[in-house]
Amino acid sequence: MVEARLLVERGSIRDASQDWGVHAFLALPSPGDRVMVRREGEAHYLTVLCAHHRPVLVDGAADGEDAPAADVVAKWTGSE
């Protein structure tokens, strides 16, 4: 499992991304992947645009200084 913050693009290009929180994925999704997220009682469908990786040095992670992280940016495509 990989945890990543989900940032969702809805509306105009000028609108800020919506932070939908940290989600657990089986693996970090790739651009073009489709994901379904349950939110507020609805199934929302998203297309992954990109993933932003924040790696850390192995020595830094071992010392507890930092942990690797990722953001998944996706375009909202519909809900039911």
N, C-alpha and C. Protein backbone atom coordinates (compact mmCIF):
# COMPACT_ATOMS: atom_id res chain seq x y z
N MET A 1 0.84 -1.19 0.00
CA MET A 1 0.00 0.00 0.00
C MET A 1 0.88 1.25 0.00
N VAL A 2 0.41 2.25 -0.71
CA VAL A 2 1.09 3.53 -0.79
C VAL A 2 0.08 4.60 -0.41
N GLU A 3 0.48 5.49 0.49
CA GLU A 3 -0.40 6.60 0.86
C GLU A 3 0.02 7.84 0.08
N ALA A 4 -0.97 8.56 -0.45
CA ALA A 4 -0.71 9.79 -1.20
C ALA A 4 -1.87 10.76 -1.02
N ARG A 5 -1.54 12.03 -0.99
CA ARG A 5 -2.58 13.07 -0.93
C ARG A 5 -3.22 13.16 -2.31
N LEU A 6 -4.55 13.24 -2.35
CA LEU A 6 -5.28 13.31 -3.61
C LEU A 6 -5.72 14.75 -3.85
N LEU A 7 -5.21 15.36 -4.91
CA LEU A 7 -5.57 16.72 -5.30
C LEU A 7 -6.42 16.63 -6.56
N VAL A 8 -7.63 17.18 -6.49
CA VAL A 8 -8.60 17.01 -7.57
C VAL A 8 -8.83 18.34 -8.30
N GLU A 9 -8.73 18.27 -9.62
CA GLU A 9 -8.98 19.43 -10.48
C GLU A 9 -10.45 19.38 -10.92
N ARG A 10 -11.20 20.41 -10.59
CA ARG A 10 -12.60 20.53 -11.03
C ARG A 10 -12.79 21.94 -11.54
N GLY A 11 -13.56 22.09 -12.60
CA GLY A 11 -13.88 23.43 -13.10
C GLY A 11 -12.77 24.02 -13.94
N SER A 12 -12.61 25.32 -13.85
CA SER A 12 -11.68 26.09 -14.68
C SER A 12 -10.23 25.80 -14.32
N ILE A 13 -9.34 26.03 -15.28
CA ILE A 13 -7.91 25.88 -15.05
C ILE A 13 -7.42 26.85 -13.97
N ARG A 14 -8.16 27.95 -13.77
CA ARG A 14 -7.78 28.95 -12.77
C ARG A 14 -8.22 28.57 -11.36
N ASP A 15 -9.11 27.59 -11.24
CA ASP A 15 -9.59 27.17 -9.93
C ASP A 15 -8.50 26.39 -9.19
N ALA A 16 -8.44 26.58 -7.90
CA ALA A 16 -7.46 25.85 -7.08
C ALA A 16 -7.84 24.37 -7.02
N SER A 17 -6.83 23.53 -6.89
CA SER A 17 -7.06 22.10 -6.71
C SER A 17 -7.76 21.87 -5.37
N GLN A 18 -8.64 20.89 -5.33
CA GLN A 18 -9.32 20.52 -4.09
C GLN A 18 -8.52 19.41 -3.42
N ASP A 19 -8.22 19.60 -2.14
CA ASP A 19 -7.48 18.59 -1.37
C ASP A 19 -8.49 17.61 -0.80
N TRP A 20 -8.50 16.38 -1.32
CA TRP A 20 -9.44 15.36 -0.86
C TRP A 20 -8.82 14.47 0.21
N GLY A 21 -7.68 14.84 0.75
CA GLY A 21 -7.07 14.10 1.83
C GLY A 21 -6.13 13.00 1.36
N VAL A 22 -5.58 12.30 2.34
CA VAL A 22 -4.63 11.22 2.07
C VAL A 22 -5.39 9.92 1.90
N HIS A 23 -5.09 9.22 0.82
CA HIS A 23 -5.74 7.95 0.50
C HIS A 23 -4.69 6.86 0.37
N ALA A 24 -5.07 5.63 0.64
CA ALA A 24 -4.20 4.48 0.45
C ALA A 24 -4.48 3.88 -0.93
N PHE A 25 -3.43 3.69 -1.72
CA PHE A 25 -3.52 3.08 -3.04
C PHE A 25 -2.76 1.76 -3.00
N LEU A 26 -3.15 0.79 -3.84
CA LEU A 26 -2.39 -0.45 -3.94
C LEU A 26 -0.98 -0.17 -4.45
N ALA A 27 -0.86 0.77 -5.38
CA ALA A 27 0.41 1.26 -5.91
C ALA A 27 0.16 2.69 -6.37
N LEU A 28 1.22 3.46 -6.48
CA LEU A 28 1.06 4.84 -6.91
C LEU A 28 0.53 4.85 -8.35
N PRO A 29 -0.61 5.51 -8.60
CA PRO A 29 -1.19 5.49 -9.95
C PRO A 29 -0.34 6.27 -10.94
N SER A 30 -0.48 5.92 -12.20
CA SER A 30 0.24 6.56 -13.30
C SER A 30 -0.71 7.48 -14.06
N PRO A 31 -0.17 8.45 -14.79
CA PRO A 31 -1.03 9.31 -15.62
C PRO A 31 -1.89 8.47 -16.56
N GLY A 32 -3.16 8.84 -16.63
CA GLY A 32 -4.11 8.12 -17.47
C GLY A 32 -4.90 7.08 -16.71
N ASP A 33 -4.43 6.66 -15.54
CA ASP A 33 -5.18 5.69 -14.74
C ASP A 33 -6.50 6.29 -14.30
N ARG A 34 -7.52 5.46 -14.22
CA ARG A 34 -8.83 5.89 -13.72
C ARG A 34 -8.97 5.36 -12.30
N VAL A 35 -9.45 6.20 -11.40
CA VAL A 35 -9.70 5.79 -10.03
C VAL A 35 -11.11 6.19 -9.62
N MET A 36 -11.67 5.43 -8.68
CA MET A 36 -12.99 5.74 -8.13
C MET A 36 -12.79 5.99 -6.64
N VAL A 37 -13.31 7.12 -6.17
CA VAL A 37 -13.17 7.50 -4.77
C VAL A 37 -14.56 7.72 -4.20
N ARG A 38 -14.85 7.08 -3.07
CA ARG A 38 -16.11 7.32 -2.38
C ARG A 38 -15.95 8.56 -1.50
N ARG A 39 -16.87 9.51 -1.69
CA ARG A 39 -16.81 10.77 -0.94
C ARG A 39 -18.23 11.30 -0.79
N GLU A 40 -18.59 11.62 0.43
CA GLU A 40 -19.90 12.21 0.73
C GLU A 40 -21.04 11.37 0.16
N GLY A 41 -20.91 10.04 0.26
CA GLY A 41 -21.97 9.13 -0.15
C GLY A 41 -22.08 8.88 -1.64
N GLU A 42 -21.13 9.41 -2.43
CA GLU A 42 -21.16 9.22 -3.88
C GLU A 42 -19.86 8.59 -4.35
N ALA A 43 -19.94 7.92 -5.50
CA ALA A 43 -18.75 7.40 -6.17
C ALA A 43 -18.29 8.44 -7.17
N HIS A 44 -17.06 8.93 -7.01
CA HIS A 44 -16.50 9.94 -7.91
C HIS A 44 -15.44 9.29 -8.77
N TYR A 45 -15.47 9.59 -10.06
CA TYR A 45 -14.52 9.02 -11.01
C TYR A 45 -13.51 10.08 -11.42
N LEU A 46 -12.24 9.70 -11.39
CA LEU A 46 -11.14 10.62 -11.66
C LEU A 46 -10.18 10.01 -12.65
N THR A 47 -9.53 10.86 -13.43
CA THR A 47 -8.45 10.44 -14.31
C THR A 47 -7.15 11.06 -13.79
N VAL A 48 -6.16 10.25 -13.53
CA VAL A 48 -4.89 10.73 -12.97
C VAL A 48 -4.14 11.54 -14.02
N LEU A 49 -3.72 12.75 -13.62
CA LEU A 49 -2.93 13.62 -14.50
C LEU A 49 -1.43 13.42 -14.25
N CYS A 50 -1.04 13.37 -12.98
CA CYS A 50 0.37 13.19 -12.64
C CYS A 50 0.50 12.83 -11.16
N ALA A 51 1.69 12.40 -10.80
CA ALA A 51 2.01 12.13 -9.40
C ALA A 51 3.28 12.90 -9.06
N HIS A 52 3.24 13.65 -7.97
CA HIS A 52 4.40 14.41 -7.50
C HIS A 52 5.06 13.60 -6.40
N HIS A 53 6.30 13.18 -6.63
CA HIS A 53 7.04 12.37 -5.65
C HIS A 53 7.92 13.27 -4.80
N ARG A 54 8.00 12.97 -3.50
CA ARG A 54 8.93 13.64 -2.61
C ARG A 54 9.79 12.58 -1.94
N PRO A 55 10.86 12.14 -2.64
CA PRO A 55 11.72 11.13 -2.06
C PRO A 55 12.62 11.72 -0.98
N VAL A 56 13.20 10.85 -0.19
CA VAL A 56 14.18 11.27 0.83
C VAL A 56 15.41 10.38 0.70
N LEU A 57 16.53 10.88 1.17
CA LEU A 57 17.73 10.06 1.21
C LEU A 57 17.50 8.88 2.15
N VAL A 58 18.06 7.76 1.83
CA VAL A 58 17.89 6.57 2.66
C VAL A 58 18.39 6.84 4.06
N ASP A 59 19.52 7.54 4.20
CA ASP A 59 20.05 7.86 5.53
C ASP A 59 19.09 8.76 6.31
N GLY A 60 18.46 9.71 5.62
CA GLY A 60 17.52 10.62 6.29
C GLY A 60 16.30 9.89 6.80
N ALA A 61 15.78 8.94 6.01
CA ALA A 61 14.61 8.17 6.43
C ALA A 61 14.96 7.27 7.60
N ALA A 62 16.16 6.71 7.58
CA ALA A 62 16.59 5.83 8.66
C ALA A 62 16.73 6.59 9.98
N ASP A 63 17.15 7.85 9.88
CA ASP A 63 17.32 8.68 11.09
C ASP A 63 16.00 9.27 11.57
N GLY A 64 14.91 9.02 10.85
CA GLY A 64 13.62 9.55 11.26
C GLY A 64 13.44 11.02 10.93
N GLU A 65 14.33 11.58 10.12
CA GLU A 65 14.25 13.00 9.79
C GLU A 65 13.07 13.32 8.89
N ASP A 66 12.77 12.43 7.96
CA ASP A 66 11.75 12.71 6.98
C ASP A 66 11.19 11.39 6.47
N ALA A 67 10.06 11.45 5.81
CA ALA A 67 9.46 10.25 5.22
C ALA A 67 9.10 10.57 3.78
N PRO A 68 9.24 9.61 2.88
CA PRO A 68 8.83 9.87 1.50
C PRO A 68 7.33 10.12 1.43
N ALA A 69 6.92 10.90 0.44
CA ALA A 69 5.50 11.23 0.29
C ALA A 69 5.20 11.45 -1.19
N ALA A 70 3.91 11.51 -1.50
CA ALA A 70 3.49 11.76 -2.88
C ALA A 70 2.14 12.45 -2.89
N ASP A 71 1.91 13.23 -3.94
CA ASP A 71 0.61 13.81 -4.23
C ASP A 71 0.16 13.26 -5.57
N VAL A 72 -1.10 12.85 -5.66
CA VAL A 72 -1.68 12.40 -6.92
C VAL A 72 -2.64 13.50 -7.37
N VAL A 73 -2.42 14.03 -8.57
CA VAL A 73 -3.26 15.06 -9.14
C VAL A 73 -4.17 14.40 -10.17
N ALA A 74 -5.48 14.59 -10.02
CA ALA A 74 -6.44 13.92 -10.91
C ALA A 74 -7.54 14.89 -11.33
N LYS A 75 -8.08 14.65 -12.50
CA LYS A 75 -9.20 15.43 -13.05
C LYS A 75 -10.50 14.71 -12.74
N TRP A 76 -11.44 15.42 -12.13
CA TRP A 76 -12.77 14.85 -11.84
C TRP A 76 -13.49 14.68 -13.15
N THR A 77 -14.06 13.48 -13.38
CA THR A 77 -14.75 13.23 -14.65
C THR A 77 -16.22 12.86 -14.47
N GLY A 78 -16.67 12.68 -13.24
CA GLY A 78 -18.08 12.39 -13.03
C GLY A 78 -18.34 11.69 -11.71
N SER A 79 -19.60 11.53 -11.38
CA SER A 79 -19.99 10.84 -10.14
C SER A 79 -21.35 10.19 -10.34
N GLU A 80 -21.63 9.26 -9.41
CA GLU A 80 -22.96 8.62 -9.40
C GLU A 80 -23.33 8.27 -7.99
